Amino acid sequence: MTKFSELNLNPKVLKAIEEAGYESPTPIQVGAIPPALEGRDVLGIAQTGTGKTASFTLPMITMLARGRARARMPRSLVLCPTRELAAQVAENFDTYTKHLKLSKALLIGGVSFKEQDKLIDKGVDVLIATPGRLLDHFERGKLLLTGVQIMVVDEADRMLDMGFIPDIERIFSLTPFTRQTLFFSATMAPEIERITNTFLSAPERIEVARQATASETIEQGVIMFKASRRDREGSEKRKVLRSVIDAEGDACTNAIIFCNRKTDVDIVAKSLKKYGYDAAPIHGDLDQSQRTRTLDGFRDGSLRFLCASDVAARGLDVPSVSHVFNYDVPGHAEDYVHRIGRTGRAGRDGKAIMICVPRDEKNLADIEALVQNEIPRLDNPLGGAPASEANAEKEEKPKPTRTRSRKKDTSENDTAVHASPEPSVATEVKDTPDDKNRGRNRGGRSRSSRGGDREANNVVGLGDHTPEFIGLSFKERCAS
């Protein structure tokens, strides 16, 4: 078994690793650290929870131990898709640089520009940022990227999902061509591969697991759920979630509950709190201070349930998460792998349960195709209760009054017709000349012809009714 001491890391870095309690590197670390220390570009592909962060932080710290930072010109750059992931990377640098004098700056949204400007002006060895905030500082003239020696793109596929690829390409163009690039991702979409072919030079490709696979330590399951009525789907689905949590009992020490929409995150968290569960929401619309407090509470164990959008699905390292509940089936199959990767980390056992409604069955099929495995179906903890209750209610519900009155009116009309039939218009019109002439209009049709018999309203031609003057000759007409 390979040890950290065999990877040619700085002795002070090795001391920090030992104090952090790590004994042996993971496969992605064994594959990525040696070529990174040689100055080569690295393309790392590994499932989430395998230690990708240390794969680039450890060699970066070792290489940056020599040299000094200059004002507004960071020596290295780490790009992360979310604030939480960027903050976590910053914590890793703090852990591994405790015996070295290296400075860092964290550039994320929701934090004052003024404080970040002060750090940049002093000069930093490591700049950790989200793409949007980094470009904000650059456009304000507070930052130069021409001194970047090492550039890292973490969770590149998440960058693609969040629409950061144009920003990434622009940031690449602002850095020196001679930089070293470390590129890490859990999946390799075609757009990601295009970028690596463009901006990486003969990279060392390390792929320690099949793309988009879940850890074998995670027990997976899906509940096929159909609501009794469409307008009750939300409440019944939340009831299923509570029943699943109760069924897990003491084994569920803490859990992350993922929803597709931010509004559902808030609704589910509020519902759980209403029924006595210790839960709090986290998503992109919340203030950064609130997101930080919520995440810290979940990490230290004071918060049991974290209701989250996909902002928390990538890269967050909370080693002791026992369960992941997918309240919604993710729209992108790759997101499923990242979501359930929050549990079963560092060799621990974990459990992931998903609730699937009929309209999400196609997304479920895409997930199973991606992971190349069928997710076991679990019994609905509510059984068929919701459906049976709906059927009973449907049987007891009286028929609409409008339908009964229509039927009643129809029957009364029918009775009236049979009892005293009214004569039709055609029956009333007799073949008397006076009646015919009285009802005739300019077009030669009777006013009663619209509802009457066609035979009673035949147009009368000339025939016997030809006026006498038509038969007279011209001379006779002139004489008369």
Protein backbone atom coordinates (compact mmCIF):
# COMPACT_ATOMS: atom_id res chain seq x y z
CA MET A 1 0.00 0.00 0.00
CA THR A 2 1.30 3.44 -0.99
CA LYS A 3 1.94 5.95 1.78
CA PHE A 4 1.97 9.74 1.65
CA SER A 5 5.65 9.68 2.49
CA GLU A 6 6.30 7.97 -0.85
CA LEU A 7 4.75 10.80 -2.90
CA ASN A 8 7.65 13.31 -2.58
CA LEU A 9 5.57 15.87 -0.71
CA ASN A 10 7.04 18.65 1.41
CA PRO A 11 7.96 17.36 4.92
CA LYS A 12 5.85 20.11 6.52
CA VAL A 13 2.89 19.06 4.39
CA LEU A 14 3.40 15.44 5.47
CA LYS A 15 3.38 16.56 9.09
CA ALA A 16 0.07 18.37 8.58
CA ILE A 17 -1.40 15.28 6.87
CA GLU A 18 -0.39 13.11 9.78
CA GLU A 19 -1.88 15.53 12.30
CA ALA A 20 -5.13 15.54 10.31
CA GLY A 21 -5.34 11.77 10.83
CA TYR A 22 -4.84 10.58 7.25
CA GLU A 23 -2.69 7.47 6.87
CA SER A 24 -2.75 6.45 3.22
CA PRO A 25 -3.70 8.24 -0.03
CA THR A 26 -6.73 7.35 -2.13
CA PRO A 27 -6.33 5.99 -5.68
CA ILE A 28 -6.99 9.38 -7.30
CA GLN A 29 -4.36 10.95 -5.03
CA VAL A 30 -1.82 8.24 -5.87
CA GLY A 31 -2.42 8.81 -9.58
CA ALA A 32 -2.59 12.62 -9.64
CA ILE A 33 0.03 13.85 -7.13
CA PRO A 34 3.24 12.51 -8.82
CA PRO A 35 2.59 14.01 -12.31
CA ALA A 36 1.38 17.25 -10.70
CA LEU A 37 4.66 17.54 -8.78
CA GLU A 38 6.50 17.05 -12.07
CA GLY A 39 4.76 20.11 -13.49
CA ARG A 40 2.55 18.22 -15.93
CA ASP A 41 -1.09 18.95 -16.72
CA VAL A 42 -3.48 16.52 -15.05
CA LEU A 43 -6.96 15.39 -16.03
CA GLY A 44 -8.54 13.58 -13.08
CA ILE A 45 -11.81 11.67 -13.39
CA ALA A 46 -13.16 10.08 -10.24
CA GLN A 47 -16.45 9.62 -8.48
CA THR A 48 -17.33 12.07 -5.76
CA GLY A 49 -16.01 11.42 -2.27
CA THR A 50 -12.70 9.91 -3.41
CA GLY A 51 -10.43 12.73 -2.26
CA LYS A 52 -10.03 14.86 -5.38
CA THR A 53 -9.52 18.04 -3.33
CA ALA A 54 -6.35 16.74 -1.70
CA SER A 55 -5.19 15.54 -5.13
CA PHE A 56 -4.50 19.14 -6.14
CA THR A 57 -4.07 20.96 -2.81
CA LEU A 58 -1.16 18.79 -1.62
CA PRO A 59 1.06 19.15 -4.73
CA MET A 60 0.14 22.86 -5.04
CA ILE A 61 1.26 23.58 -1.48
CA THR A 62 4.51 21.67 -2.03
CA MET A 63 5.31 23.64 -5.20
CA LEU A 64 4.25 27.00 -3.73
CA ALA A 65 6.43 26.52 -0.65
CA ARG A 66 9.21 28.04 -2.75
CA GLY A 67 8.69 31.63 -3.83
CA ARG A 68 6.82 34.72 -2.70
CA ALA A 69 3.51 36.35 -3.69
CA ARG A 70 3.20 39.78 -5.29
CA ALA A 71 0.43 42.34 -4.84
CA ARG A 72 -2.67 41.74 -6.98
CA MET A 73 -0.93 38.85 -8.76
CA PRO A 74 -1.84 35.48 -7.22
CA ARG A 75 0.56 32.63 -7.86
CA SER A 76 -2.14 29.97 -8.15
CA LEU A 77 -5.86 29.89 -8.89
CA VAL A 78 -8.55 27.39 -7.90
CA LEU A 79 -11.96 27.72 -9.56
CA CYS A 80 -15.01 26.16 -7.90
CA PRO A 81 -18.66 26.15 -9.04
CA THR A 82 -20.28 27.05 -5.69
CA ARG A 83 -19.51 29.15 -2.63
CA GLU A 84 -19.71 26.15 -0.32
CA LEU A 85 -17.22 24.13 -2.34
CA ALA A 86 -14.84 27.10 -2.55
CA ALA A 87 -15.04 27.56 1.23
CA GLN A 88 -14.32 23.87 1.73
CA VAL A 89 -11.24 24.04 -0.51
CA ALA A 90 -10.06 27.02 1.56
CA GLU A 91 -10.45 24.94 4.73
CA ASN A 92 -8.32 22.20 3.17
CA PHE A 93 -5.56 24.70 2.46
CA ASP A 94 -5.71 25.91 6.05
CA THR A 95 -5.36 22.31 7.25
CA TYR A 96 -2.38 21.42 5.08
CA THR A 97 -0.50 24.77 5.26
CA LYS A 98 -0.50 25.09 9.06
CA HIS A 99 3.30 24.64 9.13
CA LEU A 100 3.99 26.84 6.08
CA LYS A 101 3.70 30.58 5.59
CA LEU A 102 1.39 30.67 2.59
CA SER A 103 -1.37 33.21 2.15
CA LYS A 104 -4.74 32.67 0.52
CA ALA A 105 -7.84 34.65 -0.46
CA LEU A 106 -11.39 33.41 -0.91
CA LEU A 107 -13.42 35.27 -3.54
CA ILE A 108 -17.09 34.32 -3.38
CA GLY A 109 -20.39 36.14 -3.65
CA GLY A 110 -22.31 37.35 -0.62
CA VAL A 111 -19.13 38.80 0.94
CA SER A 112 -17.95 42.41 0.89
CA PHE A 113 -15.66 43.41 -1.99
CA LYS A 114 -13.70 45.66 0.35
CA GLU A 115 -12.41 42.85 2.56
CA GLN A 116 -11.47 40.76 -0.47
CA ASP A 117 -9.67 43.70 -2.08
CA LYS A 118 -7.50 44.10 1.02
CA LEU A 119 -6.32 40.49 0.78
CA ILE A 120 -5.58 40.76 -2.94
CA ASP A 121 -3.64 44.00 -2.47
CA LYS A 122 -1.32 42.31 0.03
CA GLY A 123 -0.58 39.52 -2.42
CA VAL A 124 -1.72 35.89 -2.08
CA ASP A 125 -0.15 32.58 -2.92
CA VAL A 126 -3.48 30.81 -3.43
CA LEU A 127 -6.61 32.41 -4.84
CA ILE A 128 -9.80 30.35 -4.45
CA ALA A 129 -12.81 31.74 -6.28
CA THR A 130 -16.08 31.21 -8.05
CA PRO A 131 -15.92 32.34 -11.72
CA GLY A 132 -18.42 35.19 -11.43
CA ARG A 133 -16.82 36.92 -8.45
CA LEU A 134 -13.32 36.44 -9.91
CA LEU A 135 -14.30 38.25 -13.13
CA ASP A 136 -15.99 40.98 -11.08
CA HIS A 137 -12.66 41.73 -9.36
CA PHE A 138 -10.79 41.58 -12.66
CA GLU A 139 -13.16 44.00 -14.40
CA ARG A 140 -12.84 46.41 -11.48
CA GLY A 141 -9.09 46.47 -12.06
CA LYS A 142 -8.27 44.93 -8.69
CA LEU A 143 -6.76 41.70 -9.95
CA LEU A 144 -4.18 40.49 -12.48
CA LEU A 145 -3.95 36.86 -13.55
CA THR A 146 -0.68 37.10 -15.48
CA GLY A 147 1.27 35.66 -12.55
CA VAL A 148 -0.73 32.44 -12.22
CA GLN A 149 1.61 29.46 -12.29
CA ILE A 150 -0.89 26.73 -11.36
CA MET A 151 -4.57 26.75 -12.29
CA VAL A 152 -7.10 24.24 -10.98
CA VAL A 153 -10.66 23.68 -12.23
CA ASP A 154 -12.60 21.64 -9.68
CA GLU A 155 -15.94 19.92 -10.44
CA ALA A 156 -15.74 20.92 -14.09
CA ASP A 157 -18.96 19.11 -15.04
CA ARG A 158 -20.85 21.17 -12.47
CA MET A 159 -19.38 24.27 -14.08
CA LEU A 160 -20.98 23.10 -17.32
CA ASP A 161 -24.38 22.53 -15.69
CA MET A 162 -24.35 25.99 -14.10
CA GLY A 163 -23.45 27.75 -17.35
CA PHE A 164 -19.90 28.76 -16.33
CA ILE A 165 -18.12 27.39 -19.40
CA PRO A 166 -17.89 30.78 -21.22
CA ASP A 167 -16.47 32.33 -18.03
CA ILE A 168 -13.98 29.47 -17.68
CA GLU A 169 -12.80 29.97 -21.26
CA ARG A 170 -12.34 33.69 -20.65
CA ILE A 171 -10.39 33.09 -17.43
CA PHE A 172 -8.13 30.65 -19.25
CA SER A 173 -7.38 33.37 -21.81
CA LEU A 174 -6.36 35.77 -19.02
CA THR A 175 -3.76 33.39 -17.55
CA PRO A 176 -0.30 32.70 -18.99
CA PHE A 177 0.05 30.08 -21.68
CA THR A 178 2.87 28.46 -19.67
CA ARG A 179 0.68 27.76 -16.63
CA GLN A 180 0.18 24.24 -15.26
CA THR A 181 -3.46 23.12 -15.37
CA LEU A 182 -5.12 20.55 -13.09
CA PHE A 183 -8.59 19.60 -14.24
CA PHE A 184 -10.90 17.48 -12.05
CA SER A 185 -14.39 16.18 -12.67
CA ALA A 186 -16.64 13.24 -11.86
CA THR A 187 -18.02 12.97 -15.40
CA MET A 188 -16.73 13.92 -18.84
CA ALA A 189 -19.38 15.52 -21.01
CA PRO A 190 -18.43 16.31 -24.64
CA GLU A 191 -18.20 20.04 -23.85
CA ILE A 192 -15.79 19.33 -20.99
CA GLU A 193 -13.67 17.18 -23.25
CA ARG A 194 -13.52 19.99 -25.82
CA ILE A 195 -12.15 22.38 -23.19
CA THR A 196 -9.54 19.91 -21.99
CA ASN A 197 -8.37 19.38 -25.56
CA THR A 198 -8.13 23.15 -26.03
CA PHE A 199 -6.47 24.31 -22.82
CA LEU A 200 -4.55 21.30 -21.48
CA SER A 201 -1.24 20.26 -22.95
CA ALA A 202 -0.65 16.48 -23.11
CA PRO A 203 -2.36 15.90 -19.76
CA GLU A 204 -1.83 12.86 -17.58
CA ARG A 205 -5.28 11.24 -17.50
CA ILE A 206 -6.17 9.51 -14.24
CA GLU A 207 -9.46 7.65 -14.15
CA VAL A 208 -9.80 5.58 -11.02
CA ALA A 209 -13.43 4.58 -11.46
CA ARG A 210 -15.90 4.22 -14.27
CA GLN A 211 -17.39 7.58 -15.12
CA ALA A 212 -20.54 8.52 -13.16
CA THR A 213 -20.57 5.56 -10.78
CA ALA A 214 -21.75 5.51 -7.21
CA SER A 215 -19.67 4.16 -4.37
CA GLU A 216 -20.23 0.49 -3.58
CA THR A 217 -20.62 1.36 0.10
CA ILE A 218 -23.93 3.13 -0.63
CA GLU A 219 -27.14 1.11 -0.39
CA GLN A 220 -29.61 2.50 -2.92
CA GLY A 221 -33.38 2.27 -3.29
CA VAL A 222 -36.32 4.00 -4.96
CA ILE A 223 -39.97 4.25 -3.92
CA MET A 224 -42.46 4.40 -6.80
CA PHE A 225 -45.15 6.77 -5.58
CA LYS A 226 -48.43 7.86 -7.16
CA ALA A 227 -50.62 10.41 -5.42
CA SER A 228 -54.34 9.86 -4.96
CA ARG A 229 -55.02 13.18 -6.66
CA ARG A 230 -52.82 15.68 -8.44
CA ASP A 231 -53.59 18.48 -5.98
CA ARG A 232 -52.57 16.23 -3.07
CA GLU A 233 -49.25 15.09 -4.50
CA GLY A 234 -47.12 17.51 -2.47
CA SER A 235 -48.66 16.74 0.93
CA GLU A 236 -48.76 12.97 0.35
CA LYS A 237 -45.19 12.97 -0.95
CA ARG A 238 -44.00 14.77 2.18
CA LYS A 239 -45.88 12.21 4.24
CA VAL A 240 -44.00 9.44 2.42
CA LEU A 241 -40.71 11.21 3.21
CA ARG A 242 -41.54 11.41 6.92
CA SER A 243 -42.55 7.74 6.96
CA VAL A 244 -39.27 6.73 5.30
CA ILE A 245 -37.28 8.72 7.87
CA ASP A 246 -39.25 7.11 10.71
CA ALA A 247 -38.73 3.65 9.21
CA GLU A 248 -34.95 4.14 9.23
CA GLY A 249 -35.11 4.84 12.98
CA ASP A 250 -31.87 5.35 14.88
CA ALA A 251 -29.82 4.31 11.83
CA CYS A 252 -30.62 7.73 10.35
CA THR A 253 -28.34 9.89 12.47
CA ASN A 254 -28.42 12.74 9.96
CA ALA A 255 -29.41 13.19 6.33
CA ILE A 256 -29.41 15.53 3.35
CA ILE A 257 -32.76 15.86 1.58
CA PHE A 258 -32.40 17.02 -2.03
CA CYS A 259 -35.11 18.86 -3.97
CA ASN A 260 -35.00 20.07 -7.56
CA ARG A 261 -36.50 23.50 -6.88
CA LYS A 262 -35.61 26.09 -4.28
CA THR A 263 -39.26 26.63 -3.40
CA ASP A 264 -39.63 22.93 -2.60
CA VAL A 265 -36.52 23.12 -0.40
CA ASP A 266 -38.22 25.75 1.75
CA ILE A 267 -41.56 23.91 1.77
CA VAL A 268 -40.06 20.55 2.76
CA ALA A 269 -37.92 22.11 5.50
CA LYS A 270 -40.90 24.00 6.91
CA SER A 271 -43.05 20.84 6.79
CA LEU A 272 -40.44 18.76 8.62
CA LYS A 273 -40.07 21.40 11.33
CA LYS A 274 -43.86 21.50 11.72
CA TYR A 275 -43.89 17.77 12.48
CA GLY A 276 -41.03 17.99 14.97
CA TYR A 277 -38.02 17.14 12.79
CA ASP A 278 -34.85 19.20 13.19
CA ALA A 279 -34.45 20.57 9.65
CA ALA A 280 -33.19 23.70 7.87
CA PRO A 281 -32.97 24.76 4.20
CA ILE A 282 -29.92 25.71 2.15
CA HIS A 283 -30.02 27.02 -1.43
CA GLY A 284 -28.69 29.81 -3.61
CA ASP A 285 -31.32 32.42 -2.74
CA LEU A 286 -30.36 32.53 0.95
CA ASP A 287 -27.84 34.96 2.41
CA GLN A 288 -24.29 33.64 2.55
CA SER A 289 -24.18 34.12 6.33
CA GLN A 290 -27.31 32.01 6.75
CA ARG A 291 -25.99 29.32 4.41
CA THR A 292 -22.74 29.21 6.37
CA ARG A 293 -24.52 28.91 9.74
CA THR A 294 -26.78 26.15 8.45
CA LEU A 295 -23.90 24.17 6.98
CA ASP A 296 -21.79 24.59 10.12
CA GLY A 297 -24.69 23.36 12.24
CA PHE A 298 -25.08 20.29 10.06
CA ARG A 299 -21.37 19.54 10.23
CA ASP A 300 -21.11 19.85 14.01
CA GLY A 301 -24.20 17.70 14.58
CA SER A 302 -26.52 20.37 15.97
CA LEU A 303 -28.72 20.09 12.84
CA ARG A 304 -30.04 16.68 11.85
CA PHE A 305 -31.69 17.26 8.45
CA LEU A 306 -30.33 19.52 5.72
CA CYS A 307 -32.87 20.30 2.98
CA ALA A 308 -30.83 21.34 -0.03
CA SER A 309 -30.89 22.18 -3.69
CA ASP A 310 -28.06 21.01 -5.95
CA VAL A 311 -25.91 23.86 -4.64
CA ALA A 312 -24.94 21.41 -1.88
CA ALA A 313 -24.61 18.35 -4.09
CA ARG A 314 -21.10 18.90 -5.36
CA GLY A 315 -17.94 18.51 -3.39
CA LEU A 316 -19.21 19.18 0.12
CA ASP A 317 -17.35 16.97 2.55
CA VAL A 318 -19.38 16.00 5.61
CA PRO A 319 -17.91 12.57 6.34
CA SER A 320 -20.58 11.29 8.71
CA VAL A 321 -23.76 11.72 6.62
CA SER A 322 -25.72 8.50 7.16
CA HIS A 323 -28.52 9.03 4.60
CA VAL A 324 -29.39 10.93 1.45
CA PHE A 325 -33.06 11.32 0.53
CA ASN A 326 -33.88 12.41 -3.00
CA TYR A 327 -37.28 14.02 -2.53
CA ASP A 328 -37.23 14.62 -6.31
CA VAL A 329 -35.63 12.59 -9.07
CA PRO A 330 -32.87 14.86 -10.45
CA GLY A 331 -33.40 16.13 -13.98
CA HIS A 332 -29.78 15.32 -14.95
CA ALA A 333 -28.62 11.77 -14.36
CA GLU A 334 -25.13 12.93 -13.33
CA ASP A 335 -26.62 14.92 -10.45
CA TYR A 336 -27.87 11.69 -8.90
CA VAL A 337 -24.31 10.41 -8.56
CA HIS A 338 -23.18 13.62 -6.90
CA ARG A 339 -26.16 13.77 -4.58
CA ILE A 340 -25.81 10.29 -3.17
CA GLY A 341 -22.05 10.79 -3.01
CA ARG A 342 -22.64 12.92 0.09
CA THR A 343 -23.07 9.67 2.03
CA GLY A 344 -20.82 6.60 2.19
CA ARG A 345 -17.69 8.75 2.13
CA ALA A 346 -14.21 7.66 3.18
CA GLY A 347 -15.18 3.98 3.20
CA ARG A 348 -18.21 4.42 5.46
CA ASP A 349 -21.56 2.79 4.78
CA GLY A 350 -24.37 4.98 3.53
CA LYS A 351 -27.93 4.76 2.29
CA ALA A 352 -29.70 6.69 -0.48
CA ILE A 353 -33.47 6.57 -0.98
CA MET A 354 -35.35 8.31 -3.78
CA ILE A 355 -39.06 9.05 -4.28
CA CYS A 356 -40.22 8.75 -7.89
CA VAL A 357 -43.59 9.96 -9.19
CA PRO A 358 -44.92 8.76 -12.58
CA ARG A 359 -43.77 11.83 -14.52
CA ASP A 360 -40.16 11.25 -13.34
CA GLU A 361 -39.90 7.66 -14.53
CA LYS A 362 -38.04 8.72 -17.68
CA ASN A 363 -35.41 10.51 -15.56
CA LEU A 364 -35.15 7.39 -13.39
CA ALA A 365 -34.49 5.30 -16.50
CA ASP A 366 -31.74 7.74 -17.54
CA ILE A 367 -30.10 7.40 -14.12
CA GLU A 368 -30.16 3.60 -14.30
CA ALA A 369 -28.68 3.75 -17.81
CA LEU A 370 -25.89 6.03 -16.58
CA VAL A 371 -24.92 3.95 -13.55
CA GLN A 372 -25.50 0.75 -15.58
CA ASN A 373 -27.45 -0.81 -12.76
CA GLU A 374 -31.09 -1.11 -11.78
CA ILE A 375 -31.93 0.69 -8.54
CA PRO A 376 -33.87 -1.67 -6.24
CA ARG A 377 -37.56 -0.83 -5.78
CA LEU A 378 -38.70 -0.32 -2.20
CA ASP A 379 -42.18 -0.69 -0.74
CA ASN A 380 -44.14 2.47 -0.13
CA PRO A 381 -44.24 2.84 3.68
CA LEU A 382 -47.79 4.17 3.39
CA GLY A 383 -48.88 1.18 1.36
CA GLY A 384 -51.96 1.86 -0.75
CA ALA A 385 -53.59 4.12 1.83
CA PRO A 386 -53.69 7.32 -0.19
CA ALA A 387 -55.18 5.65 -3.26
CA SER A 388 -57.81 3.67 -1.29
CA GLU A 389 -58.85 6.78 0.61
CA ALA A 390 -59.28 8.61 -2.65
CA ASN A 391 -61.42 5.81 -4.10
CA ALA A 392 -63.63 5.72 -1.01
CA GLU A 393 -64.08 9.46 -1.18
CA LYS A 394 -64.90 9.22 -4.86
CA GLU A 395 -67.64 6.63 -4.18
CA GLU A 396 -69.20 8.65 -1.35
CA LYS A 397 -69.12 11.94 -3.21
CA PRO A 398 -72.62 12.83 -4.54
CA LYS A 399 -73.11 13.43 -8.20
CA PRO A 400 -73.22 17.06 -9.32
CA THR A 401 -76.61 18.76 -9.01
CA ARG A 402 -76.28 20.11 -12.51
CA THR A 403 -76.27 16.65 -14.03
CA ARG A 404 -79.36 15.56 -12.10
CA SER A 405 -81.30 18.69 -13.07
CA ARG A 406 -80.39 18.19 -16.70
CA LYS A 407 -81.68 14.65 -16.65
CA LYS A 408 -84.84 15.77 -14.85
CA ASP A 409 -85.53 18.53 -17.35
CA THR A 410 -84.94 16.15 -20.21
CA SER A 411 -87.38 13.58 -18.87
CA GLU A 412 -90.03 16.26 -18.24
CA ASN A 413 -89.65 17.54 -21.76
CA ASP A 414 -89.93 14.05 -23.15
CA THR A 415 -93.12 13.48 -21.17
CA ALA A 416 -94.55 16.76 -22.37
CA VAL A 417 -93.80 15.90 -25.97
CA HIS A 418 -95.53 12.53 -25.71
CA ALA A 419 -98.47 13.91 -23.74
CA SER A 420 -99.43 16.87 -25.90
CA PRO A 421 -97.52 17.11 -29.15
CA GLU A 422 -97.55 20.55 -30.71
CA PRO A 423 -98.33 20.79 -34.40
CA SER A 424 -95.38 21.63 -36.56
CA VAL A 425 -95.17 24.66 -38.77
CA ALA A 426 -95.45 22.50 -41.86
CA THR A 427 -98.66 20.97 -40.52
CA GLU A 428 -100.22 24.35 -39.89
CA VAL A 429 -99.43 25.73 -43.37
CA LYS A 430 -102.19 24.76 -45.81
CA ASP A 431 -101.92 24.77 -49.58
CA THR A 432 -104.11 27.82 -49.85
CA PRO A 433 -102.91 30.55 -52.19
CA ASP A 434 -103.50 33.31 -49.61
CA ASP A 435 -101.36 31.60 -46.96
CA LYS A 436 -98.59 30.92 -49.43
CA ASN A 437 -98.51 34.47 -50.72
CA ARG A 438 -98.62 35.90 -47.18
CA GLY A 439 -95.53 33.96 -46.13
CA ARG A 440 -93.51 34.51 -49.27
CA ASN A 441 -90.46 36.80 -49.17
CA ARG A 442 -88.33 38.38 -51.88
CA GLY A 443 -86.34 35.22 -52.51
CA GLY A 444 -89.41 33.14 -53.06
CA ARG A 445 -89.04 31.24 -49.75
CA SER A 446 -91.54 31.06 -46.96
CA ARG A 447 -90.60 32.53 -43.59
CA SER A 448 -91.51 29.20 -42.05
CA SER A 449 -89.18 27.28 -44.36
CA ARG A 450 -86.27 27.28 -41.88
CA GLY A 451 -87.91 24.79 -39.56
CA GLY A 452 -90.56 23.33 -41.83
CA ASP A 453 -90.75 20.53 -44.35
CA ARG A 454 -88.82 20.98 -47.57
CA GLU A 455 -91.76 19.66 -49.65
CA ALA A 456 -94.07 22.34 -48.23
CA ASN A 457 -91.60 25.04 -49.22
CA ASN A 458 -90.76 24.06 -52.81
CA VAL A 459 -90.13 27.08 -55.05
CA VAL A 460 -93.04 27.56 -57.45
CA GLY A 461 -91.99 27.99 -61.09
CA LEU A 462 -93.84 29.88 -63.81
CA GLY A 463 -95.99 27.01 -65.20
CA ASP A 464 -99.73 27.74 -64.81
CA HIS A 465 -99.04 30.97 -63.01
CA THR A 466 -97.36 32.67 -65.98
CA PRO A 467 -98.65 36.23 -66.25
CA GLU A 468 -100.78 36.89 -69.34
CA PHE A 469 -98.72 39.83 -70.64
CA ILE A 470 -95.73 37.56 -71.18
CA GLY A 471 -97.62 35.62 -73.82
CA LEU A 472 -98.60 38.75 -75.78
CA SER A 473 -96.66 39.78 -78.84
CA PHE A 474 -94.87 43.08 -79.12
CA LYS A 475 -97.63 44.69 -81.23
CA GLU A 476 -100.34 43.47 -78.86
CA ARG A 477 -98.44 44.88 -75.89
CA CYS A 478 -98.03 48.23 -77.61
CA ALA A 479 -101.72 48.27 -78.54
CA SER A 480 -102.75 47.53 -74.98
